[in-house]
Amino acid sequence: MRLTNLKIKNLPIGKRVHDGRGLYLTLSSPGRGKWTFRYMLNKKAKEMGLGKYPEVSLAETRKRHFASLLKVADGIDPFEMEKKAPIVSGEEIDRGVESTEC
């Protein structure tokens, strides 16, 4: 089932709902939930979080999902890439500074 903002508002609590191609939304309470991407890589099932709902919109989640799909198609694990990326705080982003600390 392809999700829309109206469908999301009417979803049952606790049920994982499929948007397509491995993208899921699970509501934990009315108006709150999490986006996940489930995929197979090297014959192993994996799951990756894409953000909290509603902080991350449906449109933004689909962009993140598509970028992750491209990585999986190239044989790259998007979850492992995300773990290896340097952690940058919001304040550092505002100042244009990247953190090299791990």
PDB file of N, CA and C in Angstrom:
ATOM      1  N   MET A   1       0.848  -1.171   0.000  1.00  0.00           N
ATOM      2  CA  MET A   1       0.000   0.000   0.000  1.00  0.00           C
ATOM      3  C   MET A   1       0.894   1.235   0.000  1.00  0.00           C
ATOM      4  N   ARG A   2       0.726   2.082  -0.948  1.00  0.00           N
ATOM      5  CA  ARG A   2       1.476   3.336  -1.033  1.00  0.00           C
ATOM      6  C   ARG A   2       0.890   4.303  -0.014  1.00  0.00           C
ATOM      7  N   LEU A   3       1.727   4.802   0.887  1.00  0.00           N
ATOM      8  CA  LEU A   3       1.264   5.678   1.954  1.00  0.00           C
ATOM      9  C   LEU A   3       1.038   7.111   1.466  1.00  0.00           C
ATOM     10  N   THR A   4       0.099   7.769   2.102  1.00  0.00           N
ATOM     11  CA  THR A   4      -0.131   9.202   1.936  1.00  0.00           C
ATOM     12  C   THR A   4      -0.234   9.780   3.341  1.00  0.00           C
ATOM     13  N   ASN A   5      -0.170  11.099   3.457  1.00  0.00           N
ATOM     14  CA  ASN A   5      -0.287  11.711   4.776  1.00  0.00           C
ATOM     15  C   ASN A   5      -1.636  11.397   5.414  1.00  0.00           C
ATOM     16  N   LEU A   6      -2.703  11.329   4.621  1.00  0.00           N
ATOM     17  CA  LEU A   6      -4.026  10.996   5.149  1.00  0.00           C
ATOM     18  C   LEU A   6      -4.069   9.551   5.650  1.00  0.00           C
ATOM     19  N   LYS A   7      -3.491   8.629   4.894  1.00  0.00           N
ATOM     20  CA  LYS A   7      -3.464   7.226   5.324  1.00  0.00           C
ATOM     21  C   LYS A   7      -2.652   7.060   6.603  1.00  0.00           C
ATOM     22  N   ILE A   8      -1.556   7.809   6.724  1.00  0.00           N
ATOM     23  CA  ILE A   8      -0.717   7.723   7.917  1.00  0.00           C
ATOM     24  C   ILE A   8      -1.507   8.129   9.159  1.00  0.00           C
ATOM     25  N   LYS A   9      -2.322   9.175   9.042  1.00  0.00           N
ATOM     26  CA  LYS A   9      -3.108   9.644  10.186  1.00  0.00           C
ATOM     27  C   LYS A   9      -4.117   8.602  10.659  1.00  0.00           C
ATOM     28  N   ASN A  10      -4.525   7.684   9.773  1.00  0.00           N
ATOM     29  CA  ASN A  10      -5.529   6.685  10.115  1.00  0.00           C
ATOM     30  C   ASN A  10      -4.943   5.298  10.383  1.00  0.00           C
ATOM     31  N   LEU A  11      -3.619   5.182  10.473  1.00  0.00           N
ATOM     32  CA  LEU A  11      -2.987   3.879  10.683  1.00  0.00           C
ATOM     33  C   LEU A  11      -3.185   3.383  12.115  1.00  0.00           C
ATOM     34  N   PRO A  12      -3.269   2.060  12.290  1.00  0.00           N
ATOM     35  CA  PRO A  12      -3.365   1.508  13.648  1.00  0.00           C
ATOM     36  C   PRO A  12      -2.016   1.593  14.358  1.00  0.00           C
ATOM     37  N   ILE A  13      -2.068   1.735  15.673  1.00  0.00           N
ATOM     38  CA  ILE A  13      -0.867   1.819  16.507  1.00  0.00           C
ATOM     39  C   ILE A  13      -0.203   0.440  16.581  1.00  0.00           C
ATOM     40  N   GLY A  14       1.123   0.403  16.462  1.00  0.00           N
ATOM     41  CA  GLY A  14       1.882  -0.833  16.623  1.00  0.00           C
ATOM     42  C   GLY A  14       2.003  -1.713  15.397  1.00  0.00           C
ATOM     43  N   LYS A  15       1.274  -1.415  14.347  1.00  0.00           N
ATOM     44  CA  LYS A  15       1.338  -2.230  13.129  1.00  0.00           C
ATOM     45  C   LYS A  15       2.357  -1.634  12.162  1.00  0.00           C
ATOM     46  N   ARG A  16       3.222  -2.495  11.627  1.00  0.00           N
ATOM     47  CA  ARG A  16       4.214  -2.063  10.631  1.00  0.00           C
ATOM     48  C   ARG A  16       3.519  -2.026   9.274  1.00  0.00           C
ATOM     49  N   VAL A  17       3.556  -0.861   8.632  1.00  0.00           N
ATOM     50  CA  VAL A  17       2.862  -0.674   7.353  1.00  0.00           C
ATOM     51  C   VAL A  17       3.889  -0.440   6.256  1.00  0.00           C
ATOM     52  N   HIS A  18       3.721  -1.175   5.167  1.00  0.00           N
ATOM     53  CA  HIS A  18       4.649  -1.172   4.037  1.00  0.00           C
ATOM     54  C   HIS A  18       4.273  -0.080   3.045  1.00  0.00           C
ATOM     55  N   ASP A  19       5.238   0.750   2.661  1.00  0.00           N
ATOM     56  CA  ASP A  19       5.021   1.779   1.641  1.00  0.00           C
ATOM     57  C   ASP A  19       5.451   1.277   0.268  1.00  0.00           C
ATOM     58  N   GLY A  20       6.363   0.346   0.226  1.00  0.00           N
ATOM     59  CA  GLY A  20       6.848  -0.188  -1.039  1.00  0.00           C
ATOM     60  C   GLY A  20       8.353  -0.313  -1.037  1.00  0.00           C
ATOM     61  N   ARG A  21       8.872  -1.372  -1.669  1.00  0.00           N
ATOM     62  CA  ARG A  21      10.306  -1.613  -1.843  1.00  0.00           C
ATOM     63  C   ARG A  21      11.096  -1.566  -0.538  1.00  0.00           C
ATOM     64  N   GLY A  22      10.495  -2.088   0.536  1.00  0.00           N
ATOM     65  CA  GLY A  22      11.219  -2.220   1.788  1.00  0.00           C
ATOM     66  C   GLY A  22      11.081  -1.063   2.758  1.00  0.00           C
ATOM     67  N   LEU A  23      10.293  -0.052   2.431  1.00  0.00           N
ATOM     68  CA  LEU A  23      10.093   1.098   3.318  1.00  0.00           C
ATOM     69  C   LEU A  23       8.865   0.852   4.198  1.00  0.00           C
ATOM     70  N   TYR A  24       9.048   1.001   5.521  1.00  0.00           N
ATOM     71  CA  TYR A  24       7.975   0.738   6.484  1.00  0.00           C
ATOM     72  C   TYR A  24       7.830   1.894   7.459  1.00  0.00           C
ATOM     73  N   LEU A  25       6.605   2.058   7.949  1.00  0.00           N
ATOM     74  CA  LEU A  25       6.320   2.993   9.035  1.00  0.00           C
ATOM     75  C   LEU A  25       5.620   2.209  10.135  1.00  0.00           C
ATOM     76  N   THR A  26       6.088   2.376  11.370  1.00  0.00           N
ATOM     77  CA  THR A  26       5.456   1.761  12.530  1.00  0.00           C
ATOM     78  C   THR A  26       5.107   2.885  13.501  1.00  0.00           C
ATOM     79  N   LEU A  27       3.808   3.029  13.792  1.00  0.00           N
ATOM     80  CA  LEU A  27       3.383   4.051  14.736  1.00  0.00           C
ATOM     81  C   LEU A  27       3.445   3.504  16.149  1.00  0.00           C
ATOM     82  N   SER A  28       4.020   4.294  17.061  1.00  0.00           N
ATOM     83  CA  SER A  28       4.126   3.895  18.460  1.00  0.00           C
ATOM     84  C   SER A  28       3.022   4.530  19.302  1.00  0.00           C
ATOM     85  N   SER A  29       2.508   5.656  18.855  1.00  0.00           N
ATOM     86  CA  SER A  29       1.384   6.341  19.484  1.00  0.00           C
ATOM     87  C   SER A  29       0.760   7.228  18.405  1.00  0.00           C
ATOM     88  N   PRO A  30      -0.412   7.799  18.655  1.00  0.00           N
ATOM     89  CA  PRO A  30      -1.016   8.645  17.612  1.00  0.00           C
ATOM     90  C   PRO A  30      -0.082   9.785  17.199  1.00  0.00           C
ATOM     91  N   GLY A  31       0.245   9.834  15.925  1.00  0.00           N
ATOM     92  CA  GLY A  31       1.102  10.891  15.405  1.00  0.00           C
ATOM     93  C   GLY A  31       2.588  10.722  15.665  1.00  0.00           C
ATOM     94  N   ARG A  32       3.029   9.578  16.184  1.00  0.00           N
ATOM     95  CA  ARG A  32       4.442   9.319  16.475  1.00  0.00           C
ATOM     96  C   ARG A  32       4.813   7.935  15.953  1.00  0.00           C
ATOM     97  N   GLY A  33       6.010   7.822  15.394  1.00  0.00           N
ATOM     98  CA  GLY A  33       6.441   6.521  14.904  1.00  0.00           C
ATOM     99  C   GLY A  33       7.870   6.540  14.396  1.00  0.00           C
ATOM    100  N   LYS A  34       8.216   5.490  13.658  1.00  0.00           N
ATOM    101  CA  LYS A  34       9.568   5.403  13.103  1.00  0.00           C
ATOM    102  C   LYS A  34       9.515   4.833  11.692  1.00  0.00           C
ATOM    103  N   TRP A  35      10.421   5.320  10.862  1.00  0.00           N
ATOM    104  CA  TRP A  35      10.588   4.835   9.493  1.00  0.00           C
ATOM    105  C   TRP A  35      11.716   3.815   9.486  1.00  0.00           C
ATOM    106  N   THR A  36      11.523   2.697   8.799  1.00  0.00           N
ATOM    107  CA  THR A  36      12.582   1.702   8.660  1.00  0.00           C
ATOM    108  C   THR A  36      12.665   1.224   7.212  1.00  0.00           C
ATOM    109  N   PHE A  37      13.854   0.785   6.852  1.00  0.00           N
ATOM    110  CA  PHE A  37      14.123   0.237   5.526  1.00  0.00           C
ATOM    111  C   PHE A  37      14.647  -1.176   5.724  1.00  0.00           C
ATOM    112  N   ARG A  38      13.930  -2.154   5.168  1.00  0.00           N
ATOM    113  CA  ARG A  38      14.344  -3.550   5.249  1.00  0.00           C
ATOM    114  C   ARG A  38      14.869  -3.971   3.886  1.00  0.00           C
ATOM    115  N   TYR A  39      16.032  -4.641   3.888  1.00  0.00           N
ATOM    116  CA  TYR A  39      16.662  -5.025   2.626  1.00  0.00           C
ATOM    117  C   TYR A  39      17.484  -6.297   2.810  1.00  0.00           C
ATOM    118  N   MET A  40      17.852  -6.885   1.689  1.00  0.00           N
ATOM    119  CA  MET A  40      18.701  -8.071   1.673  1.00  0.00           C
ATOM    120  C   MET A  40      20.025  -7.688   1.035  1.00  0.00           C
ATOM    121  N   LEU A  41      21.114  -8.114   1.684  1.00  0.00           N
ATOM    122  CA  LEU A  41      22.439  -7.879   1.129  1.00  0.00           C
ATOM    123  C   LEU A  41      23.298  -9.081   1.485  1.00  0.00           C
ATOM    124  N   ASN A  42      23.933  -9.675   0.492  1.00  0.00           N
ATOM    125  CA  ASN A  42      24.755 -10.872   0.687  1.00  0.00           C
ATOM    126  C   ASN A  42      23.964 -11.987   1.385  1.00  0.00           C
ATOM    127  N   LYS A  43      22.728 -12.167   0.952  1.00  0.00           N
ATOM    128  CA  LYS A  43      21.835 -13.212   1.457  1.00  0.00           C
ATOM    129  C   LYS A  43      21.501 -13.061   2.936  1.00  0.00           C
ATOM    130  N   LYS A  44      21.612 -11.833   3.457  1.00  0.00           N
ATOM    131  CA  LYS A  44      21.266 -11.556   4.852  1.00  0.00           C
ATOM    132  C   LYS A  44      20.210 -10.456   4.896  1.00  0.00           C
ATOM    133  N   ALA A  45      19.185 -10.679   5.711  1.00  0.00           N
ATOM    134  CA  ALA A  45      18.154  -9.663   5.907  1.00  0.00           C
ATOM    135  C   ALA A  45      18.677  -8.607   6.869  1.00  0.00           C
ATOM    136  N   LYS A  46      18.453  -7.338   6.530  1.00  0.00           N
ATOM    137  CA  LYS A  46      18.925  -6.231   7.362  1.00  0.00           C
ATOM    138  C   LYS A  46      17.813  -5.200   7.484  1.00  0.00           C
ATOM    139  N   GLU A  47      17.902  -4.407   8.538  1.00  0.00           N
ATOM    140  CA  GLU A  47      16.935  -3.342   8.754  1.00  0.00           C
ATOM    141  C   GLU A  47      17.677  -2.095   9.225  1.00  0.00           C
ATOM    142  N   MET A  48      17.269  -0.952   8.683  1.00  0.00           N
ATOM    143  CA  MET A  48      17.940   0.317   8.965  1.00  0.00           C
ATOM    144  C   MET A  48      16.890   1.375   9.278  1.00  0.00           C
ATOM    145  N   GLY A  49      17.099   2.148  10.326  1.00  0.00           N
ATOM    146  CA  GLY A  49      16.197   3.243  10.654  1.00  0.00           C
ATOM    147  C   GLY A  49      16.440   4.437   9.743  1.00  0.00           C
ATOM    148  N   LEU A  50      15.360   5.080   9.335  1.00  0.00           N
ATOM    149  CA  LEU A  50      15.468   6.257   8.467  1.00  0.00           C
ATOM    150  C   LEU A  50      15.008   7.535   9.160  1.00  0.00           C
ATOM    151  N   GLY A  51      14.560   7.430  10.396  1.00  0.00           N
ATOM    152  CA  GLY A  51      14.161   8.621  11.129  1.00  0.00           C
ATOM    153  C   GLY A  51      12.850   8.434  11.857  1.00  0.00           C
ATOM    154  N   LYS A  52      12.535   9.436  12.665  1.00  0.00           N
ATOM    155  CA  LYS A  52      11.302   9.420  13.441  1.00  0.00           C
ATOM    156  C   LYS A  52      10.203  10.143  12.678  1.00  0.00           C
ATOM    157  N   TYR A  53       8.992   9.633  12.813  1.00  0.00           N
ATOM    158  CA  TYR A  53       7.824  10.303  12.251  1.00  0.00           C
ATOM    159  C   TYR A  53       7.173  11.083  13.374  1.00  0.00           C
ATOM    160  N   PRO A  54       6.811  12.316  13.221  1.00  0.00           N
ATOM    161  CA  PRO A  54       6.708  13.152  12.026  1.00  0.00           C
ATOM    162  C   PRO A  54       7.916  14.069  11.778  1.00  0.00           C
ATOM    163  N   GLU A  55       8.982  13.951  12.598  1.00  0.00           N
ATOM    164  CA  GLU A  55      10.156  14.809  12.401  1.00  0.00           C
ATOM    165  C   GLU A  55      10.713  14.665  10.988  1.00  0.00           C
ATOM    166  N   VAL A  56      10.678  13.451  10.463  1.00  0.00           N
ATOM    167  CA  VAL A  56      11.103  13.189   9.089  1.00  0.00           C
ATOM    168  C   VAL A  56       9.835  12.933   8.273  1.00  0.00           C
ATOM    169  N   SER A  57       9.571  13.790   7.306  1.00  0.00           N
ATOM    170  CA  SER A  57       8.345  13.706   6.515  1.00  0.00           C
ATOM    171  C   SER A  57       8.353  12.497   5.581  1.00  0.00           C
ATOM    172  N   LEU A  58       7.204  12.195   5.043  1.00  0.00           N
ATOM    173  CA  LEU A  58       7.073  11.102   4.077  1.00  0.00           C
ATOM    174  C   LEU A  58       7.952  11.372   2.854  1.00  0.00           C
ATOM    175  N   ALA A  59       7.955  12.592   2.358  1.00  0.00           N
ATOM    176  CA  ALA A  59       8.764  12.941   1.176  1.00  0.00           C
ATOM    177  C   ALA A  59      10.256  12.786   1.464  1.00  0.00           C
ATOM    178  N   GLU A  60      10.711  13.286   2.615  1.00  0.00           N
ATOM    179  CA  GLU A  60      12.126  13.172   2.978  1.00  0.00           C
ATOM    180  C   GLU A  60      12.516  11.711   3.184  1.00  0.00           C
ATOM    181  N   THR A  61      11.634  10.935   3.783  1.00  0.00           N
ATOM    182  CA  THR A  61      11.909   9.514   3.997  1.00  0.00           C
ATOM    183  C   THR A  61      12.063   8.785   2.672  1.00  0.00           C
ATOM    184  N   ARG A  62      11.219   9.121   1.721  1.00  0.00           N
ATOM    185  CA  ARG A  62      11.326   8.473   0.404  1.00  0.00           C
ATOM    186  C   ARG A  62      12.640   8.826  -0.284  1.00  0.00           C
ATOM    187  N   LYS A  63      13.138  10.055  -0.080  1.00  0.00           N
ATOM    188  CA  LYS A  63      14.446  10.442  -0.639  1.00  0.00           C
ATOM    189  C   LYS A  63      15.557   9.606   0.001  1.00  0.00           C
ATOM    190  N   ARG A  64      15.521   9.489   1.337  1.00  0.00           N
ATOM    191  CA  ARG A  64      16.526   8.686   2.049  1.00  0.00           C
ATOM    192  C   ARG A  64      16.441   7.222   1.628  1.00  0.00           C
ATOM    193  N   HIS A  65      15.218   6.731   1.467  1.00  0.00           N
ATOM    194  CA  HIS A  65      14.994   5.339   1.056  1.00  0.00           C
ATOM    195  C   HIS A  65      15.573   5.086  -0.328  1.00  0.00           C
ATOM    196  N   PHE A  66      15.322   6.018  -1.264  1.00  0.00           N
ATOM    197  CA  PHE A  66      15.817   5.851  -2.627  1.00  0.00           C
ATOM    198  C   PHE A  66      17.346   5.845  -2.651  1.00  0.00           C
ATOM    199  N   ALA A  67      17.972   6.740  -1.873  1.00  0.00           N
ATOM    200  CA  ALA A  67      19.438   6.776  -1.811  1.00  0.00           C
ATOM    201  C   ALA A  67      19.982   5.457  -1.257  1.00  0.00           C
ATOM    202  N   SER A  68      19.304   4.908  -0.261  1.00  0.00           N
ATOM    203  CA  SER A  68      19.726   3.624   0.314  1.00  0.00           C
ATOM    204  C   SER A  68      19.525   2.486  -0.675  1.00  0.00           C
ATOM    205  N   LEU A  69      18.434   2.528  -1.441  1.00  0.00           N
ATOM    206  CA  LEU A  69      18.185   1.502  -2.463  1.00  0.00           C
ATOM    207  C   LEU A  69      19.312   1.482  -3.503  1.00  0.00           C
ATOM    208  N   LEU A  70      19.771   2.660  -3.902  1.00  0.00           N
ATOM    209  CA  LEU A  70      20.862   2.735  -4.881  1.00  0.00           C
ATOM    210  C   LEU A  70      22.134   2.098  -4.332  1.00  0.00           C
ATOM    211  N   LYS A  71      22.415   2.340  -3.062  1.00  0.00           N
ATOM    212  CA  LYS A  71      23.601   1.747  -2.442  1.00  0.00           C
ATOM    213  C   LYS A  71      23.488   0.231  -2.397  1.00  0.00           C
ATOM    214  N   VAL A  72      22.319  -0.278  -2.022  1.00  0.00           N
ATOM    215  CA  VAL A  72      22.112  -1.733  -1.968  1.00  0.00           C
ATOM    216  C   VAL A  72      22.269  -2.324  -3.364  1.00  0.00           C
ATOM    217  N   ALA A  73      21.755  -1.651  -4.380  1.00  0.00           N
ATOM    218  CA  ALA A  73      21.874  -2.138  -5.756  1.00  0.00           C
ATOM    219  C   ALA A  73      23.339  -2.226  -6.193  1.00  0.00           C
ATOM    220  N   ASP A  74      24.192  -1.357  -5.623  1.00  0.00           N
ATOM    221  CA  ASP A  74      25.619  -1.374  -5.924  1.00  0.00           C
ATOM    222  C   ASP A  74      26.401  -2.314  -5.013  1.00  0.00           C
ATOM    223  N   GLY A  75      25.681  -3.027  -4.132  1.00  0.00           N
ATOM    224  CA  GLY A  75      26.339  -3.968  -3.230  1.00  0.00           C
ATOM    225  C   GLY A  75      26.934  -3.321  -1.995  1.00  0.00           C
ATOM    226  N   ILE A  76      26.532  -2.094  -1.705  1.00  0.00           N
ATOM    227  CA  ILE A  76      27.030  -1.355  -0.546  1.00  0.00           C
ATOM    228  C   ILE A  76      25.978  -1.394   0.551  1.00  0.00           C
ATOM    229  N   ASP A  77      26.408  -1.648   1.779  1.00  0.00           N
ATOM    230  CA  ASP A  77      25.489  -1.671   2.908  1.00  0.00           C
ATOM    231  C   ASP A  77      25.294  -0.233   3.410  1.00  0.00           C
ATOM    232  N   PRO A  78      24.095   0.353   3.224  1.00  0.00           N
ATOM    233  CA  PRO A  78      23.897   1.740   3.643  1.00  0.00           C
ATOM    234  C   PRO A  78      23.995   1.929   5.156  1.00  0.00           C
ATOM    235  N   PHE A  79      23.653   0.912   5.933  1.00  0.00           N
ATOM    236  CA  PHE A  79      23.742   0.992   7.388  1.00  0.00           C
ATOM    237  C   PHE A  79      25.199   1.089   7.831  1.00  0.00           C
ATOM    238  N   GLU A  80      26.065   0.277   7.231  1.00  0.00           N
ATOM    239  CA  GLU A  80      27.490   0.320   7.572  1.00  0.00           C
ATOM    240  C   GLU A  80      28.110   1.658   7.156  1.00  0.00           C
ATOM    241  N   MET A  81      27.703   2.194   6.015  1.00  0.00           N
ATOM    242  CA  MET A  81      28.217   3.496   5.569  1.00  0.00           C
ATOM    243  C   MET A  81      27.814   4.585   6.545  1.00  0.00           C
ATOM    244  N   GLU A  82      26.575   4.517   7.040  1.00  0.00           N
ATOM    245  CA  GLU A  82      26.076   5.520   7.981  1.00  0.00           C
ATOM    246  C   GLU A  82      26.837   5.451   9.302  1.00  0.00           C
ATOM    247  N   LYS A  83      27.171   4.242   9.743  1.00  0.00           N
ATOM    248  CA  LYS A  83      27.912   4.075  10.992  1.00  0.00           C
ATOM    249  C   LYS A  83      29.321   4.647  10.880  1.00  0.00           C
ATOM    250  N   LYS A  84      29.928   4.563   9.699  1.00  0.00           N
ATOM    251  CA  LYS A  84      31.304   5.026   9.510  1.00  0.00           C
ATOM    252  C   LYS A  84      31.402   6.523   9.262  1.00  0.00           C
ATOM    253  N   ALA A  85      30.263   7.176   8.945  1.00  0.00           N
ATOM    254  CA  ALA A  85      30.280   8.613   8.669  1.00  0.00           C
ATOM    255  C   ALA A  85      30.620   9.384   9.936  1.00  0.00           C
ATOM    256  N   PRO A  86      31.383  10.466   9.812  1.00  0.00           N
ATOM    257  CA  PRO A  86      31.720  11.263  11.003  1.00  0.00           C
ATOM    258  C   PRO A  86      30.467  11.887  11.598  1.00  0.00           C
ATOM    259  N   ILE A  87      30.428  11.965  12.917  1.00  0.00           N
ATOM    260  CA  ILE A  87      29.295  12.547  13.616  1.00  0.00           C
ATOM    261  C   ILE A  87      29.488  14.056  13.667  1.00  0.00           C
ATOM    262  N   VAL A  88      28.490  14.779  13.166  1.00  0.00           N
ATOM    263  CA  VAL A  88      28.554  16.230  13.136  1.00  0.00           C
ATOM    264  C   VAL A  88      27.339  16.763  13.876  1.00  0.00           C
ATOM    265  N   SER A  89      27.553  17.654  14.846  1.00  0.00           N
ATOM    266  CA  SER A  89      26.434  18.212  15.598  1.00  0.00           C
ATOM    267  C   SER A  89      25.750  19.294  14.780  1.00  0.00           C
ATOM    268  N   GLY A  90      24.515  19.605  15.137  1.00  0.00           N
ATOM    269  CA  GLY A  90      23.765  20.651  14.451  1.00  0.00           C
ATOM    270  C   GLY A  90      24.442  22.001  14.540  1.00  0.00           C
ATOM    271  N   GLU A  91      25.077  22.278  15.687  1.00  0.00           N
ATOM    272  CA  GLU A  91      25.776  23.546  15.875  1.00  0.00           C
ATOM    273  C   GLU A  91      26.969  23.648  14.935  1.00  0.00           C
ATOM    274  N   GLU A  92      27.682  22.533  14.735  1.00  0.00           N
ATOM    275  CA  GLU A  92      28.839  22.537  13.832  1.00  0.00           C
ATOM    276  C   GLU A  92      28.401  22.706  12.385  1.00  0.00           C
ATOM    277  N   ILE A  93      27.249  22.158  12.047  1.00  0.00           N
ATOM    278  CA  ILE A  93      26.733  22.312  10.687  1.00  0.00           C
ATOM    279  C   ILE A  93      26.420  23.779  10.428  1.00  0.00           C
ATOM    280  N   ASP A  94      25.803  24.441  11.420  1.00  0.00           N
ATOM    281  CA  ASP A  94      25.468  25.855  11.279  1.00  0.00           C
ATOM    282  C   ASP A  94      26.715  26.717  11.054  1.00  0.00           C
ATOM    283  N   ARG A  95      27.821  26.328  11.712  1.00  0.00           N
ATOM    284  CA  ARG A  95      29.062  27.091  11.580  1.00  0.00           C
ATOM    285  C   ARG A  95      29.890  26.628  10.392  1.00  0.00           C
ATOM    286  N   GLY A  96      29.520  25.516   9.768  1.00  0.00           N
ATOM    287  CA  GLY A  96      30.270  25.000   8.629  1.00  0.00           C
ATOM    288  C   GLY A  96      31.507  24.235   9.041  1.00  0.00           C
ATOM    289  N   VAL A  97      31.510  23.648  10.255  1.00  0.00           N
ATOM    290  CA  VAL A  97      32.652  22.916  10.778  1.00  0.00           C
ATOM    291  C   VAL A  97      32.317  21.438  10.823  1.00  0.00           C
ATOM    292  N   GLU A  98      33.236  20.604  10.381  1.00  0.00           N
ATOM    293  CA  GLU A  98      33.033  19.156  10.471  1.00  0.00           C
ATOM    294  C   GLU A  98      33.862  18.606  11.599  1.00  0.00           C
ATOM    295  N   SER A  99      33.298  17.630  12.309  1.00  0.00           N
ATOM    296  CA  SER A  99      34.001  16.988  13.401  1.00  0.00           C
ATOM    297  C   SER A  99      34.818  15.819  12.868  1.00  0.00           C
ATOM    298  N   THR A 100      36.033  15.678  13.328  1.00  0.00           N
ATOM    299  CA  THR A 100      36.852  14.529  12.929  1.00  0.00           C
ATOM    300  C   THR A 100      36.974  13.543  14.074  1.00  0.00           C
ATOM    301  N   GLU A 101      36.326  13.855  15.208  1.00  0.00           N
ATOM    302  CA  GLU A 101      36.362  12.958  16.363  1.00  0.00           C
ATOM    303  C   GLU A 101      35.351  11.843  16.187  1.00  0.00           C
ATOM    304  N   CYS A 102      35.648  10.691  16.748  1.00  0.00           N
ATOM    305  CA  CYS A 102      34.719   9.574  16.691  1.00  0.00           C
ATOM    306  C   CYS A 102      34.157   9.267  18.039  1.00  0.00           C
TER     307      CYS A 102
END
